[in-house]
PDB file of N, CA and C in Angstrom:
ATOM      1  N   MET A   1      18.762 -18.256   0.675  1.00  0.00           N
ATOM      2  CA  MET A   1      17.583 -17.476   0.951  1.00  0.00           C
ATOM      3  C   MET A   1      16.844 -18.000   2.131  1.00  0.00           C
ATOM      4  N   ALA A   2      16.836 -19.376   2.310  1.00  0.00           N
ATOM      5  CA  ALA A   2      16.199 -20.000   3.507  1.00  0.00           C
ATOM      6  C   ALA A   2      16.705 -19.467   4.806  1.00  0.00           C
ATOM      7  N   ASN A   3      18.005 -19.283   4.990  1.00  0.00           N
ATOM      8  CA  ASN A   3      18.588 -18.793   6.206  1.00  0.00           C
ATOM      9  C   ASN A   3      18.093 -17.409   6.484  1.00  0.00           C
ATOM     10  N   THR A   4      18.067 -16.583   5.456  1.00  0.00           N
ATOM     11  CA  THR A   4      17.639 -15.165   5.479  1.00  0.00           C
ATOM     12  C   THR A   4      16.171 -15.101   5.981  1.00  0.00           C
ATOM     13  N   LEU A   5      15.305 -15.961   5.368  1.00  0.00           N
ATOM     14  CA  LEU A   5      13.922 -16.082   5.734  1.00  0.00           C
ATOM     15  C   LEU A   5      13.766 -16.478   7.200  1.00  0.00           C
ATOM     16  N   ASP A   6      14.594 -17.502   7.671  1.00  0.00           N
ATOM     17  CA  ASP A   6      14.452 -17.934   9.007  1.00  0.00           C
ATOM     18  C   ASP A   6      14.786 -16.917   9.958  1.00  0.00           C
ATOM     19  N   LEU A   7      15.839 -16.183   9.725  1.00  0.00           N
ATOM     20  CA  LEU A   7      16.334 -15.048  10.559  1.00  0.00           C
ATOM     21  C   LEU A   7      15.208 -13.926  10.671  1.00  0.00           C
ATOM     22  N   THR A   8      14.649 -13.704   9.466  1.00  0.00           N
ATOM     23  CA  THR A   8      13.691 -12.559   9.385  1.00  0.00           C
ATOM     24  C   THR A   8      12.387 -12.970  10.126  1.00  0.00           C
ATOM     25  N   PHE A   9      11.859 -14.134   9.835  1.00  0.00           N
ATOM     26  CA  PHE A   9      10.595 -14.599  10.584  1.00  0.00           C
ATOM     27  C   PHE A   9      10.930 -14.750  12.052  1.00  0.00           C
ATOM     28  N   ALA A  10      12.066 -15.226  12.487  1.00  0.00           N
ATOM     29  CA  ALA A  10      12.350 -15.317  13.805  1.00  0.00           C
ATOM     30  C   ALA A  10      12.302 -13.972  14.485  1.00  0.00           C
ATOM     31  N   ALA A  11      12.910 -13.003  13.796  1.00  0.00           N
ATOM     32  CA  ALA A  11      12.990 -11.578  14.325  1.00  0.00           C
ATOM     33  C   ALA A  11      11.601 -11.051  14.449  1.00  0.00           C
ATOM     34  N   LEU A  12      10.706 -11.348  13.403  1.00  0.00           N
ATOM     35  CA  LEU A  12       9.333 -10.783  13.341  1.00  0.00           C
ATOM     36  C   LEU A  12       8.400 -11.407  14.326  1.00  0.00           C
ATOM     37  N   ALA A  13       8.833 -12.647  14.840  1.00  0.00           N
ATOM     38  CA  ALA A  13       7.935 -13.365  15.714  1.00  0.00           C
ATOM     39  C   ALA A  13       7.692 -12.728  16.997  1.00  0.00           C
ATOM     40  N   ASP A  14       8.445 -11.827  17.436  1.00  0.00           N
ATOM     41  CA  ASP A  14       8.281 -11.126  18.661  1.00  0.00           C
ATOM     42  C   ASP A  14       7.593  -9.850  18.675  1.00  0.00           C
ATOM     43  N   PRO A  15       6.637  -9.652  19.454  1.00  0.00           N
ATOM     44  CA  PRO A  15       5.789  -8.404  19.396  1.00  0.00           C
ATOM     45  C   PRO A  15       6.615  -7.187  19.748  1.00  0.00           C
ATOM     46  N   THR A  16       7.603  -7.321  20.579  1.00  0.00           N
ATOM     47  CA  THR A  16       8.511  -6.203  20.946  1.00  0.00           C
ATOM     48  C   THR A  16       9.254  -5.697  19.661  1.00  0.00           C
ATOM     49  N   ARG A  17       9.804  -6.689  19.061  1.00  0.00           N
ATOM     50  CA  ARG A  17      10.657  -6.349  17.722  1.00  0.00           C
ATOM     51  C   ARG A  17       9.747  -5.683  16.742  1.00  0.00           C
ATOM     52  N   ARG A  18       8.583  -6.292  16.542  1.00  0.00           N
ATOM     53  CA  ARG A  18       7.616  -5.617  15.544  1.00  0.00           C
ATOM     54  C   ARG A  18       7.313  -4.238  15.993  1.00  0.00           C
ATOM     55  N   ALA A  19       7.092  -3.960  17.274  1.00  0.00           N
ATOM     56  CA  ALA A  19       6.798  -2.611  17.759  1.00  0.00           C
ATOM     57  C   ALA A  19       8.049  -1.702  17.439  1.00  0.00           C
ATOM     58  N   ILE A  20       9.220  -2.206  17.633  1.00  0.00           N
ATOM     59  CA  ILE A  20      10.441  -1.423  17.383  1.00  0.00           C
ATOM     60  C   ILE A  20      10.511  -1.092  15.826  1.00  0.00           C
ATOM     61  N   LEU A  21      10.206  -2.017  14.998  1.00  0.00           N
ATOM     62  CA  LEU A  21      10.235  -1.729  13.584  1.00  0.00           C
ATOM     63  C   LEU A  21       9.218  -0.632  13.236  1.00  0.00           C
ATOM     64  N   THR A  22       7.989  -0.770  13.888  1.00  0.00           N
ATOM     65  CA  THR A  22       6.927   0.254  13.584  1.00  0.00           C
ATOM     66  C   THR A  22       7.457   1.708  14.026  1.00  0.00           C
ATOM     67  N   MET A  23       8.042   1.701  15.154  1.00  0.00           N
ATOM     68  CA  MET A  23       8.654   2.948  15.626  1.00  0.00           C
ATOM     69  C   MET A  23       9.627   3.525  14.589  1.00  0.00           C
ATOM     70  N   LEU A  24      10.470   2.663  14.055  1.00  0.00           N
ATOM     71  CA  LEU A  24      11.516   3.075  13.200  1.00  0.00           C
ATOM     72  C   LEU A  24      11.063   3.445  11.782  1.00  0.00           C
ATOM     73  N   LEU A  25       9.776   3.239  11.477  1.00  0.00           N
ATOM     74  CA  LEU A  25       9.158   3.639  10.247  1.00  0.00           C
ATOM     75  C   LEU A  25       9.129   5.051  10.170  1.00  0.00           C
ATOM     76  N   GLU A  26       8.960   5.767  11.350  1.00  0.00           N
ATOM     77  CA  GLU A  26       8.881   7.258  11.425  1.00  0.00           C
ATOM     78  C   GLU A  26      10.231   7.932  11.065  1.00  0.00           C
ATOM     79  N   ASP A  27      11.321   7.425  11.716  1.00  0.00           N
ATOM     80  CA  ASP A  27      12.576   8.083  11.487  1.00  0.00           C
ATOM     81  C   ASP A  27      13.670   7.212  12.315  1.00  0.00           C
ATOM     82  N   ASP A  28      14.955   7.536  12.079  1.00  0.00           N
ATOM     83  CA  ASP A  28      16.022   6.917  12.827  1.00  0.00           C
ATOM     84  C   ASP A  28      15.806   7.311  14.346  1.00  0.00           C
ATOM     85  N   MET A  29      16.273   6.418  15.212  1.00  0.00           N
ATOM     86  CA  MET A  29      16.100   6.698  16.621  1.00  0.00           C
ATOM     87  C   MET A  29      17.306   6.253  17.398  1.00  0.00           C
ATOM     88  N   ALA A  30      17.709   6.969  18.357  1.00  0.00           N
ATOM     89  CA  ALA A  30      18.698   6.603  19.391  1.00  0.00           C
ATOM     90  C   ALA A  30      18.267   5.343  20.088  1.00  0.00           C
ATOM     91  N   VAL A  31      19.072   4.475  20.552  1.00  0.00           N
ATOM     92  CA  VAL A  31      18.791   3.291  21.268  1.00  0.00           C
ATOM     93  C   VAL A  31      17.956   3.653  22.514  1.00  0.00           C
ATOM     94  N   THR A  32      18.378   4.594  23.192  1.00  0.00           N
ATOM     95  CA  THR A  32      17.618   5.094  24.480  1.00  0.00           C
ATOM     96  C   THR A  32      16.160   5.503  24.104  1.00  0.00           C
ATOM     97  N   ASP A  33      15.985   6.152  22.925  1.00  0.00           N
ATOM     98  CA  ASP A  33      14.677   6.461  22.541  1.00  0.00           C
ATOM     99  C   ASP A  33      13.762   5.308  22.205  1.00  0.00           C
ATOM    100  N   VAL A  34      14.406   4.318  21.544  1.00  0.00           N
ATOM    101  CA  VAL A  34      13.747   3.022  21.248  1.00  0.00           C
ATOM    102  C   VAL A  34      13.332   2.449  22.469  1.00  0.00           C
ATOM    103  N   ALA A  35      14.116   2.359  23.476  1.00  0.00           N
ATOM    104  CA  ALA A  35      13.889   1.707  24.772  1.00  0.00           C
ATOM    105  C   ALA A  35      12.763   2.390  25.656  1.00  0.00           C
ATOM    106  N   GLU A  36      12.611   3.696  25.425  1.00  0.00           N
ATOM    107  CA  GLU A  36      11.718   4.411  26.385  1.00  0.00           C
ATOM    108  C   GLU A  36      10.295   3.926  26.588  1.00  0.00           C
ATOM    109  N   PRO A  37       9.703   3.542  25.495  1.00  0.00           N
ATOM    110  CA  PRO A  37       8.191   3.093  25.749  1.00  0.00           C
ATOM    111  C   PRO A  37       8.086   1.669  26.327  1.00  0.00           C
ATOM    112  N   PHE A  38       9.137   0.913  26.395  1.00  0.00           N
ATOM    113  CA  PHE A  38       9.075  -0.515  26.884  1.00  0.00           C
ATOM    114  C   PHE A  38       9.418  -0.513  28.353  1.00  0.00           C
ATOM    115  N   GLU A  39       8.759  -1.412  29.059  1.00  0.00           N
ATOM    116  CA  GLU A  39       9.090  -1.672  30.474  1.00  0.00           C
ATOM    117  C   GLU A  39      10.001  -2.753  30.590  1.00  0.00           C
ATOM    118  N   MET A  40      11.290  -2.577  30.097  1.00  0.00           N
ATOM    119  CA  MET A  40      12.289  -3.479  30.084  1.00  0.00           C
ATOM    120  C   MET A  40      13.648  -2.811  30.188  1.00  0.00           C
ATOM    121  N   SER A  41      14.639  -3.556  30.568  1.00  0.00           N
ATOM    122  CA  SER A  41      16.001  -2.852  30.754  1.00  0.00           C
ATOM    123  C   SER A  41      16.544  -2.520  29.371  1.00  0.00           C
ATOM    124  N   LEU A  42      17.478  -1.634  29.368  1.00  0.00           N
ATOM    125  CA  LEU A  42      18.202  -1.182  28.170  1.00  0.00           C
ATOM    126  C   LEU A  42      18.923  -2.439  27.572  1.00  0.00           C
ATOM    127  N   ALA A  43      19.469  -3.237  28.464  1.00  0.00           N
ATOM    128  CA  ALA A  43      20.125  -4.535  27.995  1.00  0.00           C
ATOM    129  C   ALA A  43      19.174  -5.431  27.224  1.00  0.00           C
ATOM    130  N   ALA A  44      17.952  -5.537  27.694  1.00  0.00           N
ATOM    131  CA  ALA A  44      16.978  -6.341  27.052  1.00  0.00           C
ATOM    132  C   ALA A  44      16.612  -5.829  25.650  1.00  0.00           C
ATOM    133  N   ILE A  45      16.429  -4.442  25.552  1.00  0.00           N
ATOM    134  CA  ILE A  45      16.208  -3.819  24.303  1.00  0.00           C
ATOM    135  C   ILE A  45      17.316  -3.998  23.372  1.00  0.00           C
ATOM    136  N   SER A  46      18.599  -3.936  23.901  1.00  0.00           N
ATOM    137  CA  SER A  46      19.713  -4.181  23.119  1.00  0.00           C
ATOM    138  C   SER A  46      19.784  -5.529  22.442  1.00  0.00           C
ATOM    139  N   LYS A  47      19.291  -6.529  23.154  1.00  0.00           N
ATOM    140  CA  LYS A  47      19.322  -7.873  22.633  1.00  0.00           C
ATOM    141  C   LYS A  47      18.258  -7.952  21.530  1.00  0.00           C
ATOM    142  N   HIS A  48      17.113  -7.374  21.645  1.00  0.00           N
ATOM    143  CA  HIS A  48      16.079  -7.246  20.568  1.00  0.00           C
ATOM    144  C   HIS A  48      16.743  -6.611  19.371  1.00  0.00           C
ATOM    145  N   LEU A  49      17.485  -5.475  19.588  1.00  0.00           N
ATOM    146  CA  LEU A  49      18.045  -4.713  18.490  1.00  0.00           C
ATOM    147  C   LEU A  49      19.167  -5.590  17.818  1.00  0.00           C
ATOM    148  N   GLN A  50      19.930  -6.387  18.533  1.00  0.00           N
ATOM    149  CA  GLN A  50      20.871  -7.298  17.910  1.00  0.00           C
ATOM    150  C   GLN A  50      20.113  -8.288  17.016  1.00  0.00           C
ATOM    151  N   ILE A  51      19.100  -8.931  17.424  1.00  0.00           N
ATOM    152  CA  ILE A  51      18.361  -9.853  16.629  1.00  0.00           C
ATOM    153  C   ILE A  51      17.812  -9.186  15.367  1.00  0.00           C
ATOM    154  N   LEU A  52      17.283  -7.967  15.492  1.00  0.00           N
ATOM    155  CA  LEU A  52      16.802  -7.234  14.308  1.00  0.00           C
ATOM    156  C   LEU A  52      17.949  -6.938  13.338  1.00  0.00           C
ATOM    157  N   THR A  53      19.121  -6.592  13.921  1.00  0.00           N
ATOM    158  CA  THR A  53      20.317  -6.219  13.150  1.00  0.00           C
ATOM    159  C   THR A  53      20.784  -7.572  12.393  1.00  0.00           C
ATOM    160  N   ARG A  54      20.915  -8.555  13.180  1.00  0.00           N
ATOM    161  CA  ARG A  54      21.348  -9.871  12.546  1.00  0.00           C
ATOM    162  C   ARG A  54      20.447 -10.339  11.386  1.00  0.00           C
ATOM    163  N   ALA A  55      19.149  -9.993  11.456  1.00  0.00           N
ATOM    164  CA  ALA A  55      18.164 -10.380  10.498  1.00  0.00           C
ATOM    165  C   ALA A  55      18.305  -9.380   9.295  1.00  0.00           C
ATOM    166  N   GLY A  56      18.988  -8.286   9.486  1.00  0.00           N
ATOM    167  CA  GLY A  56      19.084  -7.273   8.437  1.00  0.00           C
ATOM    168  C   GLY A  56      17.917  -6.316   8.374  1.00  0.00           C
ATOM    169  N   LEU A  57      17.086  -6.343   9.385  1.00  0.00           N
ATOM    170  CA  LEU A  57      15.882  -5.538   9.265  1.00  0.00           C
ATOM    171  C   LEU A  57      16.246  -4.057   9.777  1.00  0.00           C
ATOM    172  N   ILE A  58      17.307  -3.889  10.554  1.00  0.00           N
ATOM    173  CA  ILE A  58      17.669  -2.612  10.991  1.00  0.00           C
ATOM    174  C   ILE A  58      19.189  -2.480  10.875  1.00  0.00           C
ATOM    175  N   GLU A  59      19.721  -1.277  10.837  1.00  0.00           N
ATOM    176  CA  GLU A  59      21.137  -0.958  10.831  1.00  0.00           C
ATOM    177  C   GLU A  59      21.294  -0.096  12.087  1.00  0.00           C
ATOM    178  N   GLN A  60      22.510  -0.352  12.675  1.00  0.00           N
ATOM    179  CA  GLN A  60      22.950   0.447  13.870  1.00  0.00           C
ATOM    180  C   GLN A  60      24.226   1.155  13.544  1.00  0.00           C
ATOM    181  N   GLU A  61      24.269   2.408  13.935  1.00  0.00           N
ATOM    182  CA  GLU A  61      25.592   3.121  13.763  1.00  0.00           C
ATOM    183  C   GLU A  61      25.836   4.077  14.967  1.00  0.00           C
ATOM    184  N   LYS A  62      26.999   4.305  15.178  1.00  0.00           N
ATOM    185  CA  LYS A  62      27.293   5.216  16.355  1.00  0.00           C
ATOM    186  C   LYS A  62      27.623   6.549  15.710  1.00  0.00           C
ATOM    187  N   ARG A  63      26.932   7.562  16.284  1.00  0.00           N
ATOM    188  CA  ARG A  63      27.075   9.004  15.939  1.00  0.00           C
ATOM    189  C   ARG A  63      27.490   9.664  17.222  1.00  0.00           C
ATOM    190  N   GLY A  64      28.747   9.982  17.292  1.00  0.00           N
ATOM    191  CA  GLY A  64      29.288  10.592  18.466  1.00  0.00           C
ATOM    192  C   GLY A  64      29.257   9.541  19.610  1.00  0.00           C
ATOM    193  N   ARG A  65      28.657   9.819  20.650  1.00  0.00           N
ATOM    194  CA  ARG A  65      28.501   8.859  21.832  1.00  0.00           C
ATOM    195  C   ARG A  65      27.116   8.085  21.724  1.00  0.00           C
ATOM    196  N   VAL A  66      26.418   8.412  20.759  1.00  0.00           N
ATOM    197  CA  VAL A  66      25.008   7.775  20.767  1.00  0.00           C
ATOM    198  C   VAL A  66      24.904   6.810  19.551  1.00  0.00           C
ATOM    199  N   LYS A  67      24.321   5.583  19.995  1.00  0.00           N
ATOM    200  CA  LYS A  67      24.076   4.602  19.008  1.00  0.00           C
ATOM    201  C   LYS A  67      22.679   4.796  18.419  1.00  0.00           C
ATOM    202  N   TRP A  68      22.591   4.865  17.147  1.00  0.00           N
ATOM    203  CA  TRP A  68      21.384   5.038  16.362  1.00  0.00           C
ATOM    204  C   TRP A  68      20.882   3.849  15.652  1.00  0.00           C
ATOM    205  N   CYS A  69      19.614   3.690  15.495  1.00  0.00           N
ATOM    206  CA  CYS A  69      18.969   2.555  14.737  1.00  0.00           C
ATOM    207  C   CYS A  69      18.150   3.178  13.547  1.00  0.00           C
ATOM    208  N   LYS A  70      18.282   2.453  12.513  1.00  0.00           N
ATOM    209  CA  LYS A  70      17.477   2.872  11.302  1.00  0.00           C
ATOM    210  C   LYS A  70      16.998   1.657  10.631  1.00  0.00           C
ATOM    211  N   LEU A  71      15.791   1.835  10.020  1.00  0.00           N
ATOM    212  CA  LEU A  71      15.100   0.716   9.436  1.00  0.00           C
ATOM    213  C   LEU A  71      15.847   0.404   8.134  1.00  0.00           C
ATOM    214  N   ALA A  72      15.915  -0.949   7.792  1.00  0.00           N
ATOM    215  CA  ALA A  72      16.449  -1.346   6.549  1.00  0.00           C
ATOM    216  C   ALA A  72      15.451  -2.161   5.726  1.00  0.00           C
ATOM    217  N   PRO A  73      14.465  -1.415   5.169  1.00  0.00           N
ATOM    218  CA  PRO A  73      13.295  -2.163   4.621  1.00  0.00           C
ATOM    219  C   PRO A  73      13.628  -3.035   3.458  1.00  0.00           C
ATOM    220  N   GLU A  74      14.768  -2.911   2.779  1.00  0.00           N
ATOM    221  CA  GLU A  74      15.036  -3.835   1.688  1.00  0.00           C
ATOM    222  C   GLU A  74      15.203  -5.246   2.264  1.00  0.00           C
ATOM    223  N   ALA A  75      15.514  -5.433   3.432  1.00  0.00           N
ATOM    224  CA  ALA A  75      15.630  -6.761   4.034  1.00  0.00           C
ATOM    225  C   ALA A  75      14.354  -7.559   3.935  1.00  0.00           C
ATOM    226  N   LEU A  76      13.227  -6.858   3.864  1.00  0.00           N
ATOM    227  CA  LEU A  76      11.927  -7.486   3.752  1.00  0.00           C
ATOM    228  C   LEU A  76      11.638  -8.001   2.312  1.00  0.00           C
ATOM    229  N   LYS A  77      12.468  -7.685   1.422  1.00  0.00           N
ATOM    230  CA  LYS A  77      12.305  -7.996  -0.044  1.00  0.00           C
ATOM    231  C   LYS A  77      12.187  -9.541  -0.182  1.00  0.00           C
ATOM    232  N   ASP A  78      13.101 -10.274   0.405  1.00  0.00           N
ATOM    233  CA  ASP A  78      13.104 -11.791   0.311  1.00  0.00           C
ATOM    234  C   ASP A  78      11.828 -12.381   0.821  1.00  0.00           C
ATOM    235  N   VAL A  79      11.382 -11.785   1.976  1.00  0.00           N
ATOM    236  CA  VAL A  79      10.140 -12.296   2.571  1.00  0.00           C
ATOM    237  C   VAL A  79       8.907 -11.987   1.609  1.00  0.00           C
ATOM    238  N   SER A  80       8.898 -10.778   1.048  1.00  0.00           N
ATOM    239  CA  SER A  80       7.892 -10.393   0.146  1.00  0.00           C
ATOM    240  C   SER A  80       7.857 -11.306  -1.098  1.00  0.00           C
ATOM    241  N   VAL A  81       8.968 -11.515  -1.618  1.00  0.00           N
ATOM    242  CA  VAL A  81       9.205 -12.428  -2.779  1.00  0.00           C
ATOM    243  C   VAL A  81       8.586 -13.871  -2.538  1.00  0.00           C
ATOM    244  N   TRP A  82       9.006 -14.357  -1.292  1.00  0.00           N
ATOM    245  CA  TRP A  82       8.589 -15.687  -0.900  1.00  0.00           C
ATOM    246  C   TRP A  82       7.053 -15.750  -0.758  1.00  0.00           C
ATOM    247  N   MET A  83       6.490 -14.692  -0.078  1.00  0.00           N
ATOM    248  CA  MET A  83       5.106 -14.756   0.120  1.00  0.00           C
ATOM    249  C   MET A  83       4.279 -14.485  -1.068  1.00  0.00           C
ATOM    250  N   GLU A  84       4.924 -13.831  -2.072  1.00  0.00           N
ATOM    251  CA  GLU A  84       4.130 -13.568  -3.374  1.00  0.00           C
ATOM    252  C   GLU A  84       3.802 -14.892  -4.071  1.00  0.00           C
ATOM    253  N   GLY A  85       4.645 -15.969  -3.706  1.00  0.00           N
ATOM    254  CA  GLY A  85       4.458 -17.213  -4.326  1.00  0.00           C
ATOM    255  C   GLY A  85       3.139 -17.895  -3.917  1.00  0.00           C
ATOM    256  N   PHE A  86       2.630 -17.394  -2.788  1.00  0.00           N
ATOM    257  CA  PHE A  86       1.349 -17.983  -2.292  1.00  0.00           C
ATOM    258  C   PHE A  86       0.124 -17.295  -2.914  1.00  0.00           C
ATOM    259  N   GLY A  87       0.487 -16.108  -3.628  1.00  0.00           N
ATOM    260  CA  GLY A  87      -0.584 -15.368  -4.196  1.00  0.00           C
ATOM    261  C   GLY A  87      -1.204 -16.165  -5.455  1.00  0.00           C
ATOM    262  N   GLN A  88      -0.520 -17.124  -5.873  1.00  0.00           N
ATOM    263  CA  GLN A  88      -0.961 -17.806  -7.054  1.00  0.00           C
ATOM    264  C   GLN A  88      -2.241 -18.685  -6.753  1.00  0.00           C
ATOM    265  N   PHE A  89      -2.425 -18.908  -5.626  1.00  0.00           N
ATOM    266  CA  PHE A  89      -3.566 -19.711  -5.127  1.00  0.00           C
ATOM    267  C   PHE A  89      -4.788 -18.747  -4.836  1.00  0.00           C
ATOM    268  N   GLU A  90      -5.918 -19.298  -5.306  1.00  0.00           N
ATOM    269  CA  GLU A  90      -7.185 -18.433  -5.030  1.00  0.00           C
ATOM    270  C   GLU A  90      -7.622 -18.637  -3.618  1.00  0.00           C
ATOM    271  N   ALA A  91      -8.295 -17.729  -3.017  1.00  0.00           N
ATOM    272  CA  ALA A  91      -8.814 -17.844  -1.711  1.00  0.00           C
ATOM    273  C   ALA A  91      -9.789 -18.989  -1.615  1.00  0.00           C
ATOM    274  N   VAL A  92      -9.755 -19.639  -0.557  1.00  0.00           N
ATOM    275  CA  VAL A  92     -10.625 -20.830  -0.380  1.00  0.00           C
ATOM    276  C   VAL A  92     -12.033 -20.300  -0.220  1.00  0.00           C
ATOM    277  N   ASN A  93     -12.941 -20.876  -1.016  1.00  0.00           N
ATOM    278  CA  ASN A  93     -14.408 -20.687  -0.925  1.00  0.00           C
ATOM    279  C   ASN A  93     -14.937 -21.647   0.138  1.00  0.00           C
ATOM    280  N   LEU A  94     -15.166 -21.051   1.387  1.00  0.00           N
ATOM    281  CA  LEU A  94     -15.427 -21.956   2.484  1.00  0.00           C
ATOM    282  C   LEU A  94     -16.882 -22.526   2.272  1.00  0.00           C
ATOM    283  N   GLU A  95     -17.774 -21.810   1.730  1.00  0.00           N
ATOM    284  CA  GLU A  95     -19.086 -22.337   1.447  1.00  0.00           C
ATOM    285  C   GLU A  95     -19.017 -23.513   0.555  1.00  0.00           C
ATOM    286  N   ALA A  96     -18.389 -23.439  -0.580  1.00  0.00           N
ATOM    287  CA  ALA A  96     -18.185 -24.529  -1.511  1.00  0.00           C
ATOM    288  C   ALA A  96     -17.499 -25.683  -0.805  1.00  0.00           C
ATOM    289  N   PHE A  97     -16.570 -25.474   0.032  1.00  0.00           N
ATOM    290  CA  PHE A  97     -15.799 -26.473   0.760  1.00  0.00           C
ATOM    291  C   PHE A  97     -16.741 -27.209   1.700  1.00  0.00           C
ATOM    292  N   GLU A  98     -17.529 -26.535   2.412  1.00  0.00           N
ATOM    293  CA  GLU A  98     -18.570 -27.112   3.292  1.00  0.00           C
ATOM    294  C   GLU A  98     -19.503 -27.967   2.610  1.00  0.00           C
ATOM    295  N   LYS A  99     -19.978 -27.468   1.410  1.00  0.00           N
ATOM    296  CA  LYS A  99     -20.927 -28.395   0.624  1.00  0.00           C
ATOM    297  C   LYS A  99     -20.234 -29.597   0.127  1.00  0.00           C
ATOM    298  N   PHE A 100     -18.942 -29.569  -0.253  1.00  0.00           N
ATOM    299  CA  PHE A 100     -18.226 -30.664  -0.713  1.00  0.00           C
ATOM    300  C   PHE A 100     -18.136 -31.636   0.463  1.00  0.00           C
ATOM    301  N   LEU A 101     -17.727 -31.155   1.685  1.00  0.00           N
ATOM    302  CA  LEU A 101     -17.554 -32.066   2.744  1.00  0.00           C
ATOM    303  C   LEU A 101     -18.900 -32.743   3.102  1.00  0.00           C
ATOM    304  N   ALA A 102     -19.994 -31.954   3.057  1.00  0.00           N
ATOM    305  CA  ALA A 102     -21.290 -32.534   3.423  1.00  0.00           C
ATOM    306  C   ALA A 102     -21.605 -33.655   2.397  1.00  0.00           C
ATOM    307  N   ALA A 103     -21.402 -33.345   1.165  1.00  0.00           N
ATOM    308  CA  ALA A 103     -21.645 -34.387   0.096  1.00  0.00           C
ATOM    309  C   ALA A 103     -20.833 -35.610   0.306  1.00  0.00           C
ATOM    310  N   GLU A 104     -19.603 -35.444   0.674  1.00  0.00           N
ATOM    311  CA  GLU A 104     -18.673 -36.562   0.759  1.00  0.00           C
ATOM    312  C   GLU A 104     -19.126 -37.394   2.071  1.00  0.00           C
ATOM    313  N   THR A 105     -19.464 -36.691   3.119  1.00  0.00           N
ATOM    314  CA  THR A 105     -19.883 -37.334   4.328  1.00  0.00           C
ATOM    315  C   THR A 105     -21.168 -38.142   4.067  1.00  0.00           C
ATOM    316  N   LEU A 106     -22.138 -37.551   3.386  1.00  0.00           N
ATOM    317  CA  LEU A 106     -23.424 -38.204   3.032  1.00  0.00           C
ATOM    318  C   LEU A 106     -23.112 -39.518   2.124  1.00  0.00           C
ATOM    319  N   ALA A 107     -22.243 -39.310   1.139  1.00  0.00           N
ATOM    320  CA  ALA A 107     -21.906 -40.496   0.226  1.00  0.00           C
ATOM    321  C   ALA A 107     -21.304 -41.600   1.094  1.00  0.00           C
ATOM    322  N   ARG A 108     -20.439 -41.261   2.010  1.00  0.00           N
ATOM    323  CA  ARG A 108     -19.797 -42.298   2.810  1.00  0.00           C
ATOM    324  C   ARG A 108     -20.791 -42.983   3.767  1.00  0.00           C
ATOM    325  N   ASP A 109     -21.651 -42.126   4.389  1.00  0.00           N
ATOM    326  CA  ASP A 109     -22.683 -42.646   5.269  1.00  0.00           C
ATOM    327  C   ASP A 109     -23.649 -43.687   4.464  1.00  0.00           C
ATOM    328  N   GLU A 110     -23.954 -43.254   3.350  1.00  0.00           N
ATOM    329  CA  GLU A 110     -24.864 -44.086   2.504  1.00  0.00           C
ATOM    330  C   GLU A 110     -24.232 -45.420   2.012  1.00  0.00           C
ATOM    331  N   SER A 111     -22.975 -45.380   1.877  1.00  0.00           N
ATOM    332  CA  SER A 111     -22.177 -46.550   1.421  1.00  0.00           C
ATOM    333  C   SER A 111     -21.970 -47.608   2.571  1.00  0.00           C
ATOM    334  N   LEU A 112     -22.159 -47.044   3.813  1.00  0.00           N
ATOM    335  CA  LEU A 112     -21.998 -47.972   5.031  1.00  0.00           C
ATOM    336  C   LEU A 112     -23.172 -48.675   5.275  1.00  0.00           C
TER     337      LEU A 112
END
C-alpha cells in the first residue's frame, strides 16, 4: 500500500495533474481536449497523463485514432482509507494549547 500511496501523492502534488483530474470528473476526454486549456506542449501533457496513469488515477484507451482518458476514482480508495486513520484525533483546540504554553512558560520562568 505504501508504494501506491507514494505514487498517488506524487501524482497529486502537481497542480496541472490535479486540474486534469478535475476536468475528467465531467466525462472522458480525448488527450487533445485535455491539453487544450494548458499552455504547454502535447508532449508535456502526455507526460502528466503517464504519471496519472502509473498512479492508477486515470485510464487511457485508444478509440480509433484517438487516445481517450477516463478517471479511475477507485484509485483514491487507498488514500481515503489512509487519511481516515487521522480522523481518530480531535481537532486541536488552539486556545487551550496557547493557555497551556503560557502556563508552562510562566512556571519555567518562575523556577529560574
